[in-house]
């Protein structure tokens, strides 16, 4: 039930920011791991302008496999939100509701979504667990994660020197520290829940 990838997408589903938690949160490598390709390839162009050195970034680039899963979930996301139009239409949502819930399961992961008032989407790729009673607790933790990430994004865009609805580019250490803290808080909450159930 750990977080493997976090993505912020613009109002036209263009990638604004894509990251994975630092390596101390990672699980064992799966047979589908493509880490040998990570440094040289960016299949969908999510990271084309994020070619900074690893010392500048506190988070790391996700693998091609995780990037592909996020990209694959965009069709389902558009289906839930409706086709993109000139205006923003949230007819399916209650007033003030930004939570999209589980967008789609892919392999051993589930992708959860959250949308902001300005139509910026936040997606989280979370490892699926077979424990059904924890679903409600898991959703609360995910909502807390999305709220923290949304707050980081709002603080970042309030800077008068940032490009509104543009890619989030370094140096943005305060933003990355906030994102990393939110991801770490989620993974710690999940680990604590696992310890209680065992």
Foldseek 3Di string as FASTA:
>chain_A
DAWAKKFKAFLVRQTQDIFGAPPVLDDDDDPPFDVVCALPDDPPPNCVPANDDPVLANTHHHGPVVVVVVVVLVVLVCVQLPHRDPDGDDPVDDPPAFWPQFSDDDDQWTKTWGADPNGIIMIITGGDDPDPVCVVVLVVLVVQLVVQLVVLVVVVVVPPPDDPSHHDYPPPVSSNVSNNVSSVVSSVVVVVVVVVVD
